[in-house]
Amino acid sequence: RREPLALINLKKKNEETGEEELASRLDHYKAKATRHIFLIRHSQYNLDGRADKDRTLTPLGREQAELTGHRLASLGLKFDQIIHSSMTRATETTEIISKHLPGVKKISTDLLREGAPIEPDPPVSHWKPEAVQYYEDGARIEAAFRNFIHRADAKQEEDSYEIFVCHANVIRYIVCRALQFPPEGWLRLSLNNGSITHLVIRPNGRVALRTLGDTGFMPPDKITRT
């Protein structure tokens, strides 16, 4: 529903001529800028924690976040904002990354919390959440996709660069949806901790995947996927 034609009331006529000035009105609703979306998976965390507050980053995880922050800073881009999951491991990863990007505002959201987006195809034997989890998490993660992954607003004049720090399941689902791939295939993608996935959304709504789960900036002995 972000196509310019969908934003126009076609029944409304020009008062003077009584004719629809469609072309000029379409220009008013057309996006002009490109959005660059950087999806960051949180760093390695303590898997033994029972509650979310106990699932803090490991020492290696903190090193990974530092490396990710340094990599993002080295790109020389003017980042507009960092939107992150409200879960502890994503929040801690964000805090470390943000040290390398001073002045970039941080926004926390529950929409990006980890979960089960949709039943995977093919299924896997080692991970079988209750069916109700797909209904609860799936609706939320789909809402995150619709809220955050779209073409630029028509009022946006310059290209934007935005960082989203969240979780593997969320990122994998978003990538499938953004590229119009069957979302049930999300579990076929694999992402390292602290990895960078770069989506580009053009003014016409077309999406390109620049990088998927990049950790080439990390030494091999620092790379994990837990």
C-alpha atoms as a PDB file:
ATOM      1  CA  ARG A   1       0.000   0.000   0.000  1.00  0.00           C
ATOM      2  CA  ARG A   2       2.946   2.334  -0.549  1.00  0.00           C
ATOM      3  CA  GLU A   3       2.626   2.439  -4.328  1.00  0.00           C
ATOM      4  CA  PRO A   4       1.943   6.104  -5.224  1.00  0.00           C
ATOM      5  CA  LEU A   5      -1.224   5.152  -7.074  1.00  0.00           C
ATOM      6  CA  ALA A   6      -2.593   3.518  -3.916  1.00  0.00           C
ATOM      7  CA  LEU A   7      -2.186   6.793  -2.003  1.00  0.00           C
ATOM      8  CA  ILE A   8      -4.361   8.861  -4.335  1.00  0.00           C
ATOM      9  CA  ASN A   9      -8.105   9.320  -4.172  1.00  0.00           C
ATOM     10  CA  LEU A  10      -8.927   8.812  -7.850  1.00  0.00           C
ATOM     11  CA  LYS A  11     -12.453  10.142  -7.368  1.00  0.00           C
ATOM     12  CA  LYS A  12     -11.177  13.577  -6.452  1.00  0.00           C
ATOM     13  CA  LYS A  13     -11.261  15.904  -9.469  1.00  0.00           C
ATOM     14  CA  ASN A  14      -9.427  19.111 -10.164  1.00  0.00           C
ATOM     15  CA  GLU A  15     -11.779  21.948  -9.208  1.00  0.00           C
ATOM     16  CA  GLU A  16     -10.950  24.073 -12.252  1.00  0.00           C
ATOM     17  CA  THR A  17     -10.911  21.544 -15.075  1.00  0.00           C
ATOM     18  CA  GLY A  18     -12.890  18.725 -13.541  1.00  0.00           C
ATOM     19  CA  GLU A  19     -10.187  16.318 -14.808  1.00  0.00           C
ATOM     20  CA  GLU A  20      -7.822  14.120 -12.848  1.00  0.00           C
ATOM     21  CA  GLU A  21      -4.288  15.524 -12.919  1.00  0.00           C
ATOM     22  CA  LEU A  22      -2.876  12.090 -12.206  1.00  0.00           C
ATOM     23  CA  ALA A  23       0.722  12.591 -13.318  1.00  0.00           C
ATOM     24  CA  SER A  24       1.356  15.669 -11.188  1.00  0.00           C
ATOM     25  CA  ARG A  25      -0.352  14.154  -8.186  1.00  0.00           C
ATOM     26  CA  LEU A  26       1.643  10.933  -8.509  1.00  0.00           C
ATOM     27  CA  ASP A  27       4.894  12.899  -8.358  1.00  0.00           C
ATOM     28  CA  HIS A  28       3.825  14.254  -4.989  1.00  0.00           C
ATOM     29  CA  TYR A  29       3.621  10.733  -3.580  1.00  0.00           C
ATOM     30  CA  LYS A  30       6.680   9.186  -5.235  1.00  0.00           C
ATOM     31  CA  ALA A  31       9.658   8.324  -3.051  1.00  0.00           C
ATOM     32  CA  LYS A  32      12.918  10.015  -4.039  1.00  0.00           C
ATOM     33  CA  ALA A  33      15.454   8.537  -1.641  1.00  0.00           C
ATOM     34  CA  THR A  34      16.996   5.100  -1.108  1.00  0.00           C
ATOM     35  CA  ARG A  35      16.952   3.411   2.288  1.00  0.00           C
ATOM     36  CA  HIS A  36      19.938   1.333   3.386  1.00  0.00           C
ATOM     37  CA  ILE A  37      18.996  -1.171   6.094  1.00  0.00           C
ATOM     38  CA  PHE A  38      21.795  -2.797   8.133  1.00  0.00           C
ATOM     39  CA  LEU A  39      20.513  -5.810  10.087  1.00  0.00           C
ATOM     40  CA  ILE A  40      22.923  -6.823  12.847  1.00  0.00           C
ATOM     41  CA  ARG A  41      22.634 -10.085  14.708  1.00  0.00           C
ATOM     42  CA  HIS A  42      23.475  -9.770  18.414  1.00  0.00           C
ATOM     43  CA  SER A  43      26.817 -11.105  19.655  1.00  0.00           C
ATOM     44  CA  GLN A  44      27.440 -14.388  21.476  1.00  0.00           C
ATOM     45  CA  TYR A  45      25.592 -14.582  24.804  1.00  0.00           C
ATOM     46  CA  ASN A  46      25.269 -16.759  27.900  1.00  0.00           C
ATOM     47  CA  LEU A  47      23.030 -19.667  26.889  1.00  0.00           C
ATOM     48  CA  ASP A  48      22.716 -20.886  30.485  1.00  0.00           C
ATOM     49  CA  GLY A  49      20.691 -17.896  31.620  1.00  0.00           C
ATOM     50  CA  ARG A  50      17.132 -18.834  32.574  1.00  0.00           C
ATOM     51  CA  ALA A  51      15.600 -15.398  32.218  1.00  0.00           C
ATOM     52  CA  ASP A  52      16.328 -12.831  29.531  1.00  0.00           C
ATOM     53  CA  LYS A  53      18.139 -10.568  31.986  1.00  0.00           C
ATOM     54  CA  ASP A  54      20.590 -13.412  32.676  1.00  0.00           C
ATOM     55  CA  ARG A  55      21.395 -13.973  29.006  1.00  0.00           C
ATOM     56  CA  THR A  56      24.127 -11.379  28.862  1.00  0.00           C
ATOM     57  CA  LEU A  57      26.959 -11.213  26.359  1.00  0.00           C
ATOM     58  CA  THR A  58      29.986 -13.419  26.922  1.00  0.00           C
ATOM     59  CA  PRO A  59      33.484 -11.862  26.909  1.00  0.00           C
ATOM     60  CA  LEU A  60      33.838 -13.102  23.323  1.00  0.00           C
ATOM     61  CA  GLY A  61      30.442 -11.619  22.513  1.00  0.00           C
ATOM     62  CA  ARG A  62      31.606  -8.232  23.729  1.00  0.00           C
ATOM     63  CA  GLU A  63      34.678  -8.523  21.509  1.00  0.00           C
ATOM     64  CA  GLN A  64      32.447  -9.370  18.550  1.00  0.00           C
ATOM     65  CA  ALA A  65      30.286  -6.304  19.178  1.00  0.00           C
ATOM     66  CA  GLU A  66      33.382  -4.116  19.276  1.00  0.00           C
ATOM     67  CA  LEU A  67      34.496  -5.535  15.927  1.00  0.00           C
ATOM     68  CA  THR A  68      31.040  -4.984  14.436  1.00  0.00           C
ATOM     69  CA  GLY A  69      30.930  -1.417  15.707  1.00  0.00           C
ATOM     70  CA  HIS A  70      34.385  -0.717  14.298  1.00  0.00           C
ATOM     71  CA  ARG A  71      33.345  -2.165  10.937  1.00  0.00           C
ATOM     72  CA  LEU A  72      30.198  -0.035  10.749  1.00  0.00           C
ATOM     73  CA  ALA A  73      32.152   3.094  11.669  1.00  0.00           C
ATOM     74  CA  SER A  74      34.790   2.327   9.029  1.00  0.00           C
ATOM     75  CA  LEU A  75      32.130   2.456   6.299  1.00  0.00           C
ATOM     76  CA  GLY A  76      32.092   6.237   6.678  1.00  0.00           C
ATOM     77  CA  LEU A  77      28.305   6.468   6.430  1.00  0.00           C
ATOM     78  CA  LYS A  78      26.057   8.944   8.187  1.00  0.00           C
ATOM     79  CA  PHE A  79      23.810   6.597  10.128  1.00  0.00           C
ATOM     80  CA  ASP A  80      20.394   8.003  11.027  1.00  0.00           C
ATOM     81  CA  GLN A  81      19.432   5.722  13.909  1.00  0.00           C
ATOM     82  CA  ILE A  82      19.905   2.392  15.647  1.00  0.00           C
ATOM     83  CA  ILE A  83      16.688   0.486  16.340  1.00  0.00           C
ATOM     84  CA  HIS A  84      17.217  -2.558  18.540  1.00  0.00           C
ATOM     85  CA  SER A  85      15.370  -5.421  20.144  1.00  0.00           C
ATOM     86  CA  SER A  86      14.550  -4.876  23.806  1.00  0.00           C
ATOM     87  CA  MET A  87      16.097  -8.240  24.751  1.00  0.00           C
ATOM     88  CA  THR A  88      19.251  -8.082  26.880  1.00  0.00           C
ATOM     89  CA  ARG A  89      21.703  -9.520  24.354  1.00  0.00           C
ATOM     90  CA  ALA A  90      20.546  -7.121  21.623  1.00  0.00           C
ATOM     91  CA  THR A  91      20.558  -4.133  23.980  1.00  0.00           C
ATOM     92  CA  GLU A  92      24.097  -4.889  25.168  1.00  0.00           C
ATOM     93  CA  THR A  93      25.295  -5.378  21.590  1.00  0.00           C
ATOM     94  CA  THR A  94      23.763  -2.011  20.685  1.00  0.00           C
ATOM     95  CA  GLU A  95      25.462  -0.231  23.572  1.00  0.00           C
ATOM     96  CA  ILE A  96      28.873  -1.466  22.456  1.00  0.00           C
ATOM     97  CA  ILE A  97      28.268  -0.722  18.771  1.00  0.00           C
ATOM     98  CA  SER A  98      26.983   2.769  19.549  1.00  0.00           C
ATOM     99  CA  LYS A  99      30.307   3.706  21.176  1.00  0.00           C
ATOM    100  CA  HIS A 100      31.780   3.617  17.666  1.00  0.00           C
ATOM    101  CA  LEU A 101      28.931   5.733  16.274  1.00  0.00           C
ATOM    102  CA  PRO A 102      28.657   8.732  18.600  1.00  0.00           C
ATOM    103  CA  GLY A 103      25.566  10.875  18.230  1.00  0.00           C
ATOM    104  CA  VAL A 104      23.435   8.212  16.545  1.00  0.00           C
ATOM    105  CA  LYS A 105      20.157   7.884  18.450  1.00  0.00           C
ATOM    106  CA  LYS A 106      19.073   4.506  19.831  1.00  0.00           C
ATOM    107  CA  ILE A 107      15.484   3.252  19.905  1.00  0.00           C
ATOM    108  CA  SER A 108      14.338   0.087  21.696  1.00  0.00           C
ATOM    109  CA  THR A 109      11.360  -1.941  20.470  1.00  0.00           C
ATOM    110  CA  ASP A 110       9.617  -5.154  21.475  1.00  0.00           C
ATOM    111  CA  LEU A 111       8.694  -5.860  17.842  1.00  0.00           C
ATOM    112  CA  LEU A 112      12.233  -7.071  17.078  1.00  0.00           C
ATOM    113  CA  ARG A 113      12.444  -9.571  19.953  1.00  0.00           C
ATOM    114  CA  GLU A 114      13.426 -13.133  19.037  1.00  0.00           C
ATOM    115  CA  GLY A 115      10.723 -15.651  18.248  1.00  0.00           C
ATOM    116  CA  ALA A 116       9.288 -18.232  15.865  1.00  0.00           C
ATOM    117  CA  PRO A 117       8.198 -16.295  12.754  1.00  0.00           C
ATOM    118  CA  ILE A 118       6.605 -19.080  10.704  1.00  0.00           C
ATOM    119  CA  GLU A 119       6.783 -22.872  10.610  1.00  0.00           C
ATOM    120  CA  PRO A 120       9.920 -23.690   8.596  1.00  0.00           C
ATOM    121  CA  ASP A 121       9.912 -25.826   5.475  1.00  0.00           C
ATOM    122  CA  PRO A 122      11.568 -28.278   5.617  1.00  0.00           C
ATOM    123  CA  PRO A 123      11.110 -28.776   9.366  1.00  0.00           C
ATOM    124  CA  VAL A 124      14.024 -29.531  11.673  1.00  0.00           C
ATOM    125  CA  SER A 125      14.079 -32.168  14.389  1.00  0.00           C
ATOM    126  CA  HIS A 126      16.032 -30.204  17.014  1.00  0.00           C
ATOM    127  CA  TRP A 127      13.691 -27.201  17.157  1.00  0.00           C
ATOM    128  CA  LYS A 128       9.936 -27.654  17.456  1.00  0.00           C
ATOM    129  CA  PRO A 129       8.163 -24.820  19.263  1.00  0.00           C
ATOM    130  CA  GLU A 130       4.520 -25.093  20.233  1.00  0.00           C
ATOM    131  CA  ALA A 131       2.104 -24.148  17.459  1.00  0.00           C
ATOM    132  CA  VAL A 132       0.778 -21.218  19.500  1.00  0.00           C
ATOM    133  CA  GLN A 133       4.246 -19.650  19.436  1.00  0.00           C
ATOM    134  CA  TYR A 134       4.071 -19.241  15.666  1.00  0.00           C
ATOM    135  CA  TYR A 135       0.783 -17.356  16.021  1.00  0.00           C
ATOM    136  CA  GLU A 136       2.076 -15.076  18.769  1.00  0.00           C
ATOM    137  CA  ASP A 137       5.606 -14.447  17.494  1.00  0.00           C
ATOM    138  CA  GLY A 138       4.719 -14.615  13.824  1.00  0.00           C
ATOM    139  CA  ALA A 139       2.219 -11.759  13.987  1.00  0.00           C
ATOM    140  CA  ARG A 140       4.698  -9.594  15.897  1.00  0.00           C
ATOM    141  CA  ILE A 141       7.642 -10.299  13.580  1.00  0.00           C
ATOM    142  CA  GLU A 142       5.466  -9.693  10.522  1.00  0.00           C
ATOM    143  CA  ALA A 143       4.445  -6.380  12.120  1.00  0.00           C
ATOM    144  CA  ALA A 144       8.143  -5.544  12.519  1.00  0.00           C
ATOM    145  CA  PHE A 145       8.693  -6.233   8.823  1.00  0.00           C
ATOM    146  CA  ARG A 146       5.782  -4.020   7.784  1.00  0.00           C
ATOM    147  CA  ASN A 147       6.787  -1.231  10.145  1.00  0.00           C
ATOM    148  CA  PHE A 148      10.469  -1.071   9.302  1.00  0.00           C
ATOM    149  CA  ILE A 149      11.081  -2.553   5.839  1.00  0.00           C
ATOM    150  CA  HIS A 150       9.524  -0.305   3.214  1.00  0.00           C
ATOM    151  CA  ARG A 151      10.452   2.366   0.692  1.00  0.00           C
ATOM    152  CA  ALA A 152      11.340   5.862   1.876  1.00  0.00           C
ATOM    153  CA  ASP A 153       8.628   8.359   2.658  1.00  0.00           C
ATOM    154  CA  ALA A 154       7.955  10.792  -0.189  1.00  0.00           C
ATOM    155  CA  LYS A 155       9.101  13.654   2.074  1.00  0.00           C
ATOM    156  CA  GLN A 156      12.557  12.085   2.529  1.00  0.00           C
ATOM    157  CA  GLU A 157      15.016  14.003   0.350  1.00  0.00           C
ATOM    158  CA  GLU A 158      18.319  12.201   1.041  1.00  0.00           C
ATOM    159  CA  ASP A 159      19.318   8.540   1.216  1.00  0.00           C
ATOM    160  CA  SER A 160      19.186   7.098   4.727  1.00  0.00           C
ATOM    161  CA  TYR A 161      21.339   4.555   6.568  1.00  0.00           C
ATOM    162  CA  GLU A 162      19.672   2.721   9.441  1.00  0.00           C
ATOM    163  CA  ILE A 163      20.908  -0.012  11.780  1.00  0.00           C
ATOM    164  CA  PHE A 164      18.662  -2.697  13.294  1.00  0.00           C
ATOM    165  CA  VAL A 165      20.179  -4.869  16.027  1.00  0.00           C
ATOM    166  CA  CYS A 166      18.104  -7.973  16.624  1.00  0.00           C
ATOM    167  CA  HIS A 167      18.079 -11.755  16.232  1.00  0.00           C
ATOM    168  CA  ALA A 168      18.783 -14.483  13.693  1.00  0.00           C
ATOM    169  CA  ASN A 169      15.185 -15.663  13.258  1.00  0.00           C
ATOM    170  CA  VAL A 170      13.916 -12.113  12.826  1.00  0.00           C
ATOM    171  CA  ILE A 171      16.616 -11.191  10.297  1.00  0.00           C
ATOM    172  CA  ARG A 172      16.194 -14.376   8.286  1.00  0.00           C
ATOM    173  CA  TYR A 173      12.440 -13.893   8.061  1.00  0.00           C
ATOM    174  CA  ILE A 174      12.813 -10.227   7.100  1.00  0.00           C
ATOM    175  CA  VAL A 175      15.277 -11.086   4.330  1.00  0.00           C
ATOM    176  CA  CYS A 176      12.918 -13.680   2.839  1.00  0.00           C
ATOM    177  CA  ARG A 177       9.948 -11.303   2.991  1.00  0.00           C
ATOM    178  CA  ALA A 178      11.890  -8.363   1.592  1.00  0.00           C
ATOM    179  CA  LEU A 179      13.169 -10.380  -1.368  1.00  0.00           C
ATOM    180  CA  GLN A 180       9.732 -11.940  -1.967  1.00  0.00           C
ATOM    181  CA  PHE A 181      11.108 -15.428  -1.313  1.00  0.00           C
ATOM    182  CA  PRO A 182       8.847 -18.026   0.376  1.00  0.00           C
ATOM    183  CA  PRO A 183       9.110 -17.020   4.058  1.00  0.00           C
ATOM    184  CA  GLU A 184       8.889 -20.686   5.105  1.00  0.00           C
ATOM    185  CA  GLY A 185      12.489 -21.036   3.895  1.00  0.00           C
ATOM    186  CA  TRP A 186      13.872 -18.684   6.558  1.00  0.00           C
ATOM    187  CA  LEU A 187      15.612 -21.461   8.494  1.00  0.00           C
ATOM    188  CA  ARG A 188      17.751 -22.327   5.455  1.00  0.00           C
ATOM    189  CA  LEU A 189      19.735 -19.132   6.023  1.00  0.00           C
ATOM    190  CA  SER A 190      22.524 -19.062   8.603  1.00  0.00           C
ATOM    191  CA  LEU A 191      23.889 -16.007  10.429  1.00  0.00           C
ATOM    192  CA  ASN A 192      26.986 -15.588  12.590  1.00  0.00           C
ATOM    193  CA  ASN A 193      26.954 -13.574  15.807  1.00  0.00           C
ATOM    194  CA  GLY A 194      27.625  -9.906  15.190  1.00  0.00           C
ATOM    195  CA  SER A 195      27.100 -10.324  11.451  1.00  0.00           C
ATOM    196  CA  ILE A 196      25.979  -7.566   9.081  1.00  0.00           C
ATOM    197  CA  THR A 197      23.181  -8.018   6.542  1.00  0.00           C
ATOM    198  CA  HIS A 198      22.661  -5.090   4.168  1.00  0.00           C
ATOM    199  CA  LEU A 199      19.358  -4.496   2.359  1.00  0.00           C
ATOM    200  CA  VAL A 200      18.809  -1.653  -0.110  1.00  0.00           C
ATOM    201  CA  ILE A 201      15.290  -0.359  -0.773  1.00  0.00           C
ATOM    202  CA  ARG A 202      15.018   1.793  -3.900  1.00  0.00           C
ATOM    203  CA  PRO A 203      12.410   4.559  -4.380  1.00  0.00           C
ATOM    204  CA  ASN A 204      10.384   2.294  -6.672  1.00  0.00           C
ATOM    205  CA  GLY A 205      10.129  -0.314  -3.897  1.00  0.00           C
ATOM    206  CA  ARG A 206      12.624  -2.785  -5.341  1.00  0.00           C
ATOM    207  CA  VAL A 207      14.867  -4.461  -2.785  1.00  0.00           C
ATOM    208  CA  ALA A 208      18.428  -5.712  -3.230  1.00  0.00           C
ATOM    209  CA  LEU A 209      20.533  -7.770  -0.833  1.00  0.00           C
ATOM    210  CA  ARG A 210      24.075  -6.391  -0.703  1.00  0.00           C
ATOM    211  CA  THR A 211      25.437  -8.697   1.997  1.00  0.00           C
ATOM    212  CA  LEU A 212      24.021 -11.564   4.062  1.00  0.00           C
ATOM    213  CA  GLY A 213      25.542 -12.366   7.452  1.00  0.00           C
ATOM    214  CA  ASP A 214      28.919 -10.783   6.724  1.00  0.00           C
ATOM    215  CA  THR A 215      31.611 -11.430   9.352  1.00  0.00           C
ATOM    216  CA  GLY A 216      34.615 -11.130   7.063  1.00  0.00           C
ATOM    217  CA  PHE A 217      35.841  -8.291   9.279  1.00  0.00           C
ATOM    218  CA  MET A 218      36.290 -10.692  12.229  1.00  0.00           C
ATOM    219  CA  PRO A 219      39.327 -12.946  12.795  1.00  0.00           C
ATOM    220  CA  PRO A 220      38.344 -16.612  12.234  1.00  0.00           C
ATOM    221  CA  ASP A 221      38.827 -17.474  15.910  1.00  0.00           C
ATOM    222  CA  LYS A 222      36.240 -14.829  16.919  1.00  0.00           C
ATOM    223  CA  ILE A 223      33.427 -16.151  14.718  1.00  0.00           C
ATOM    224  CA  THR A 224      30.540 -18.034  16.362  1.00  0.00           C
ATOM    225  CA  ARG A 225      26.957 -18.880  15.458  1.00  0.00           C
ATOM    226  CA  THR A 226      25.354 -19.622  18.846  1.00  0.00           C
END
